[in-house]
């Protein structure tokens, strides 16, 4: 009887989250420069050299998404002739896990 009580008491005690089992799961990271909406006719008229105006202003932070969920904001940088992103603002780790899963 006391053994059953001990098991019931353990169920009520919050257990620390162990995330080791998900650390090797691949995720898709996307950096968004901006958005716009276009009509089909406008898309069909795009040519090399066309300019598409985006919703964000120059100098605004870029949005960083993991699996389509916003997790951070940052700025574009160049590293070894490749684009990168320097993170400026990150949501808390718990919020990130909740948004990603």
N, C-alpha and C. Protein backbone atom coordinates (compact mmCIF):
# COMPACT_ATOMS: atom_id res chain seq x y z
N UNK A 1 0.82 -1.19 0.00
CA UNK A 1 0.00 0.00 0.00
C UNK A 1 0.87 1.25 0.00
N UNK A 2 1.90 1.30 0.84
CA UNK A 2 2.78 2.47 0.89
C UNK A 2 3.55 2.62 -0.41
N UNK A 3 3.83 1.49 -1.10
CA UNK A 3 4.53 1.56 -2.38
C UNK A 3 3.66 2.26 -3.42
N UNK A 4 2.37 1.99 -3.44
CA UNK A 4 1.46 2.67 -4.37
C UNK A 4 1.39 4.15 -4.05
N UNK A 5 1.37 4.52 -2.80
CA UNK A 5 1.32 5.91 -2.41
C UNK A 5 2.59 6.63 -2.86
N UNK A 6 3.74 5.98 -2.72
CA UNK A 6 5.01 6.59 -3.13
C UNK A 6 5.01 6.84 -4.64
N UNK A 7 4.48 5.90 -5.45
CA UNK A 7 4.41 6.09 -6.89
C UNK A 7 3.47 7.23 -7.25
N UNK A 8 2.33 7.31 -6.56
CA UNK A 8 1.39 8.40 -6.82
C UNK A 8 2.00 9.76 -6.49
N UNK A 9 2.77 9.82 -5.41
CA UNK A 9 3.42 11.07 -5.02
C UNK A 9 4.45 11.50 -6.07
N UNK A 10 5.16 10.52 -6.67
CA UNK A 10 6.17 10.84 -7.67
C UNK A 10 5.55 11.43 -8.92
N UNK A 11 4.32 11.03 -9.25
CA UNK A 11 3.65 11.56 -10.44
C UNK A 11 3.40 13.05 -10.31
N UNK A 12 3.18 13.53 -9.08
CA UNK A 12 2.88 14.94 -8.87
C UNK A 12 4.12 15.82 -8.81
N UNK A 13 5.30 15.23 -8.66
CA UNK A 13 6.53 16.00 -8.58
C UNK A 13 6.98 16.35 -9.99
N UNK A 14 7.16 17.65 -10.30
CA UNK A 14 7.61 18.01 -11.64
C UNK A 14 8.99 17.44 -11.93
N UNK A 15 9.13 16.82 -13.10
CA UNK A 15 10.40 16.23 -13.50
C UNK A 15 11.14 17.21 -14.41
N UNK A 16 12.47 17.32 -14.27
CA UNK A 16 13.22 18.22 -15.17
C UNK A 16 13.12 17.71 -16.61
N UNK A 17 13.04 18.66 -17.56
CA UNK A 17 12.95 18.28 -18.98
C UNK A 17 14.32 17.85 -19.47
N UNK A 18 14.41 16.64 -19.99
CA UNK A 18 15.65 16.14 -20.57
C UNK A 18 15.46 16.15 -22.09
N UNK A 19 16.14 17.05 -22.76
CA UNK A 19 15.97 17.22 -24.20
C UNK A 19 17.03 16.49 -25.02
N UNK A 20 17.89 15.70 -24.37
CA UNK A 20 18.96 15.02 -25.10
C UNK A 20 18.44 14.15 -26.23
N UNK A 21 17.28 13.54 -26.06
CA UNK A 21 16.76 12.62 -27.07
C UNK A 21 16.31 13.31 -28.35
N UNK A 22 16.18 14.64 -28.34
CA UNK A 22 15.77 15.35 -29.57
C UNK A 22 16.89 16.17 -30.20
N UNK A 23 18.07 16.15 -29.63
CA UNK A 23 19.15 17.03 -30.10
C UNK A 23 19.62 16.72 -31.53
N UNK A 24 19.40 15.52 -32.04
CA UNK A 24 19.87 15.16 -33.39
C UNK A 24 18.76 15.22 -34.44
N UNK A 25 17.62 15.78 -34.10
CA UNK A 25 16.52 15.90 -35.05
C UNK A 25 16.80 17.11 -35.95
N UNK A 26 16.81 16.91 -37.28
CA UNK A 26 17.07 18.05 -38.18
C UNK A 26 15.86 18.99 -38.22
N UNK A 27 16.14 20.28 -38.26
CA UNK A 27 15.12 21.31 -38.35
C UNK A 27 15.44 22.21 -39.54
N UNK A 28 14.42 22.86 -40.08
CA UNK A 28 14.64 23.79 -41.19
C UNK A 28 14.70 25.21 -40.63
N UNK A 29 15.83 25.89 -40.86
CA UNK A 29 16.00 27.28 -40.45
C UNK A 29 15.84 28.16 -41.68
N UNK A 30 14.98 29.18 -41.57
CA UNK A 30 14.71 30.10 -42.67
C UNK A 30 14.90 31.52 -42.17
N UNK A 31 15.57 32.34 -42.97
CA UNK A 31 15.71 33.75 -42.66
C UNK A 31 14.89 34.52 -43.69
N UNK A 32 14.00 35.35 -43.20
CA UNK A 32 13.09 36.08 -44.09
C UNK A 32 13.49 37.54 -44.18
N UNK A 33 13.76 37.97 -45.38
CA UNK A 33 14.12 39.36 -45.66
C UNK A 33 12.89 40.25 -45.65
N UNK A 34 11.78 39.74 -46.11
CA UNK A 34 10.53 40.49 -46.16
C UNK A 34 9.50 39.71 -46.94
N UNK A 35 8.31 40.29 -47.07
CA UNK A 35 7.22 39.63 -47.79
C UNK A 35 6.52 40.64 -48.68
N UNK A 36 5.78 40.13 -49.62
CA UNK A 36 4.89 40.94 -50.44
C UNK A 36 3.84 40.03 -51.05
N UNK A 37 2.77 40.61 -51.51
CA UNK A 37 1.74 39.85 -52.23
C UNK A 37 1.72 40.37 -53.66
N UNK A 38 1.69 39.44 -54.60
CA UNK A 38 1.64 39.79 -56.01
C UNK A 38 0.50 39.04 -56.69
N UNK A 39 -0.05 39.65 -57.71
CA UNK A 39 -1.03 38.97 -58.55
C UNK A 39 -0.29 38.05 -59.52
N UNK A 40 -0.98 37.04 -60.02
CA UNK A 40 -0.36 36.12 -60.97
C UNK A 40 0.18 36.90 -62.18
N UNK A 41 -0.59 37.87 -62.66
CA UNK A 41 -0.11 38.64 -63.83
C UNK A 41 1.20 39.36 -63.53
N UNK A 42 1.35 39.86 -62.27
CA UNK A 42 2.59 40.55 -61.89
C UNK A 42 3.77 39.59 -61.84
N UNK A 43 3.53 38.39 -61.34
CA UNK A 43 4.61 37.39 -61.28
C UNK A 43 5.04 37.00 -62.70
N UNK A 44 4.07 36.85 -63.58
CA UNK A 44 4.39 36.45 -64.96
C UNK A 44 5.13 37.55 -65.73
N UNK A 45 5.04 38.78 -65.26
CA UNK A 45 5.73 39.89 -65.92
C UNK A 45 7.13 40.14 -65.37
N UNK A 46 7.54 39.39 -64.34
CA UNK A 46 8.88 39.57 -63.77
C UNK A 46 9.94 39.16 -64.79
N UNK A 47 10.98 39.96 -64.89
CA UNK A 47 12.11 39.68 -65.78
C UNK A 47 13.39 39.81 -64.97
N UNK A 48 14.49 39.38 -65.58
CA UNK A 48 15.78 39.59 -64.94
C UNK A 48 15.96 41.09 -64.73
N UNK A 49 16.31 41.48 -63.53
CA UNK A 49 16.48 42.89 -63.21
C UNK A 49 15.25 43.54 -62.61
N UNK A 50 14.12 42.83 -62.59
CA UNK A 50 12.91 43.37 -61.96
C UNK A 50 13.15 43.57 -60.48
N UNK A 51 12.51 44.57 -59.92
CA UNK A 51 12.62 44.84 -58.49
C UNK A 51 11.26 44.58 -57.84
N UNK A 52 11.26 43.80 -56.78
CA UNK A 52 10.04 43.49 -56.04
C UNK A 52 10.16 44.17 -54.68
N UNK A 53 9.24 45.07 -54.38
CA UNK A 53 9.28 45.79 -53.11
C UNK A 53 8.75 44.88 -52.00
N UNK A 54 9.48 44.87 -50.88
CA UNK A 54 9.10 44.04 -49.74
C UNK A 54 8.53 44.91 -48.62
N UNK A 55 7.90 44.26 -47.66
CA UNK A 55 7.23 44.98 -46.58
C UNK A 55 8.19 45.59 -45.57
N UNK A 56 9.37 45.03 -45.42
CA UNK A 56 10.32 45.53 -44.43
C UNK A 56 11.12 46.70 -44.98
N UNK A 57 11.51 47.58 -44.07
CA UNK A 57 12.36 48.71 -44.44
C UNK A 57 13.82 48.30 -44.39
N UNK A 58 14.66 48.96 -45.17
CA UNK A 58 16.09 48.70 -45.13
C UNK A 58 16.60 48.95 -43.72
N UNK A 59 17.41 48.05 -43.21
CA UNK A 59 17.98 48.20 -41.87
C UNK A 59 17.16 47.52 -40.78
N UNK A 60 15.94 47.11 -41.08
CA UNK A 60 15.14 46.40 -40.08
C UNK A 60 15.71 45.01 -39.86
N UNK A 61 15.58 44.46 -38.65
CA UNK A 61 16.07 43.10 -38.40
C UNK A 61 15.34 42.07 -39.28
N UNK A 62 16.07 41.04 -39.66
CA UNK A 62 15.50 39.93 -40.43
C UNK A 62 14.88 38.93 -39.47
N UNK A 63 13.81 38.29 -39.88
CA UNK A 63 13.15 37.29 -39.04
C UNK A 63 13.79 35.93 -39.26
N UNK A 64 14.01 35.20 -38.17
CA UNK A 64 14.59 33.85 -38.22
C UNK A 64 13.52 32.88 -37.76
N UNK A 65 13.20 31.93 -38.63
CA UNK A 65 12.18 30.93 -38.33
C UNK A 65 12.82 29.55 -38.25
N UNK A 66 12.34 28.72 -37.34
CA UNK A 66 12.69 27.31 -37.30
C UNK A 66 11.38 26.55 -37.47
N UNK A 67 11.34 25.73 -38.52
CA UNK A 67 10.10 25.01 -38.85
C UNK A 67 8.91 25.96 -38.89
N UNK A 68 9.09 27.09 -39.55
CA UNK A 68 8.03 28.09 -39.76
C UNK A 68 7.60 28.82 -38.49
N UNK A 69 8.34 28.70 -37.40
CA UNK A 69 8.02 29.39 -36.16
C UNK A 69 9.09 30.43 -35.88
N UNK A 70 8.68 31.68 -35.62
CA UNK A 70 9.63 32.76 -35.34
C UNK A 70 10.38 32.47 -34.04
N UNK A 71 11.72 32.44 -34.11
CA UNK A 71 12.52 32.18 -32.91
C UNK A 71 13.53 33.29 -32.62
N UNK A 72 13.83 34.14 -33.61
CA UNK A 72 14.84 35.18 -33.40
C UNK A 72 14.74 36.24 -34.48
N UNK A 73 15.49 37.31 -34.27
CA UNK A 73 15.67 38.36 -35.28
C UNK A 73 17.16 38.65 -35.36
N UNK A 74 17.60 39.07 -36.55
CA UNK A 74 19.02 39.33 -36.71
C UNK A 74 19.31 40.23 -37.89
N UNK A 75 20.61 40.37 -38.18
CA UNK A 75 21.03 41.20 -39.30
C UNK A 75 21.92 40.39 -40.22
N UNK A 76 21.85 40.71 -41.51
CA UNK A 76 22.65 40.00 -42.51
C UNK A 76 24.12 40.38 -42.36
N UNK A 77 24.98 39.39 -42.51
CA UNK A 77 26.43 39.60 -42.49
C UNK A 77 27.04 38.75 -43.62
N UNK A 78 28.28 39.04 -43.98
CA UNK A 78 29.00 38.24 -44.95
C UNK A 78 30.17 37.58 -44.23
N UNK A 79 30.26 36.25 -44.39
CA UNK A 79 31.33 35.47 -43.76
C UNK A 79 31.95 34.60 -44.85
N UNK A 80 33.23 34.83 -45.14
CA UNK A 80 33.92 34.06 -46.19
C UNK A 80 33.14 34.05 -47.50
N UNK A 81 32.70 35.20 -47.94
CA UNK A 81 31.96 35.37 -49.20
C UNK A 81 30.60 34.67 -49.21
N UNK A 82 30.08 34.32 -48.05
CA UNK A 82 28.74 33.73 -47.95
C UNK A 82 27.91 34.59 -47.01
N UNK A 83 26.61 34.62 -47.28
CA UNK A 83 25.73 35.34 -46.37
C UNK A 83 25.55 34.56 -45.08
N UNK A 84 25.40 35.29 -44.00
CA UNK A 84 25.10 34.71 -42.70
C UNK A 84 24.16 35.64 -41.97
N UNK A 85 23.83 35.29 -40.75
CA UNK A 85 22.98 36.16 -39.95
C UNK A 85 23.53 36.25 -38.55
N UNK A 86 23.65 37.47 -38.07
CA UNK A 86 24.05 37.71 -36.68
C UNK A 86 22.77 37.90 -35.90
N UNK A 87 22.57 37.04 -34.90
CA UNK A 87 21.34 37.10 -34.12
C UNK A 87 21.38 38.26 -33.14
N UNK A 88 20.33 39.06 -33.13
CA UNK A 88 20.25 40.23 -32.28
C UNK A 88 19.28 40.04 -31.12
N UNK A 89 18.22 39.29 -31.36
CA UNK A 89 17.16 39.11 -30.37
C UNK A 89 16.65 37.68 -30.48
N UNK A 90 16.69 36.95 -29.38
CA UNK A 90 16.27 35.54 -29.37
C UNK A 90 15.20 35.35 -28.31
N UNK A 91 14.18 34.58 -28.66
CA UNK A 91 13.19 34.24 -27.64
C UNK A 91 13.83 33.26 -26.67
N UNK A 92 13.27 33.13 -25.48
CA UNK A 92 13.88 32.28 -24.44
C UNK A 92 13.92 30.82 -24.90
N UNK A 93 14.86 30.04 -24.36
CA UNK A 93 14.96 28.62 -24.76
C UNK A 93 13.65 27.85 -24.58
N UNK A 94 12.95 28.08 -23.50
CA UNK A 94 11.68 27.36 -23.29
C UNK A 94 10.65 27.76 -24.34
N UNK A 95 10.58 29.05 -24.67
CA UNK A 95 9.66 29.50 -25.71
C UNK A 95 10.04 28.92 -27.06
N UNK A 96 11.34 28.82 -27.35
CA UNK A 96 11.79 28.25 -28.62
C UNK A 96 11.39 26.80 -28.73
N UNK A 97 11.59 26.01 -27.68
CA UNK A 97 11.22 24.59 -27.71
C UNK A 97 9.72 24.46 -27.90
N UNK A 98 8.95 25.27 -27.19
CA UNK A 98 7.49 25.20 -27.32
C UNK A 98 7.04 25.54 -28.73
N UNK A 99 7.69 26.53 -29.38
CA UNK A 99 7.30 26.93 -30.73
C UNK A 99 7.73 25.91 -31.78
N UNK A 100 8.88 25.27 -31.57
CA UNK A 100 9.43 24.36 -32.57
C UNK A 100 8.72 23.02 -32.55
N UNK A 101 8.36 22.54 -31.39
CA UNK A 101 7.75 21.19 -31.29
C UNK A 101 6.27 21.22 -31.44
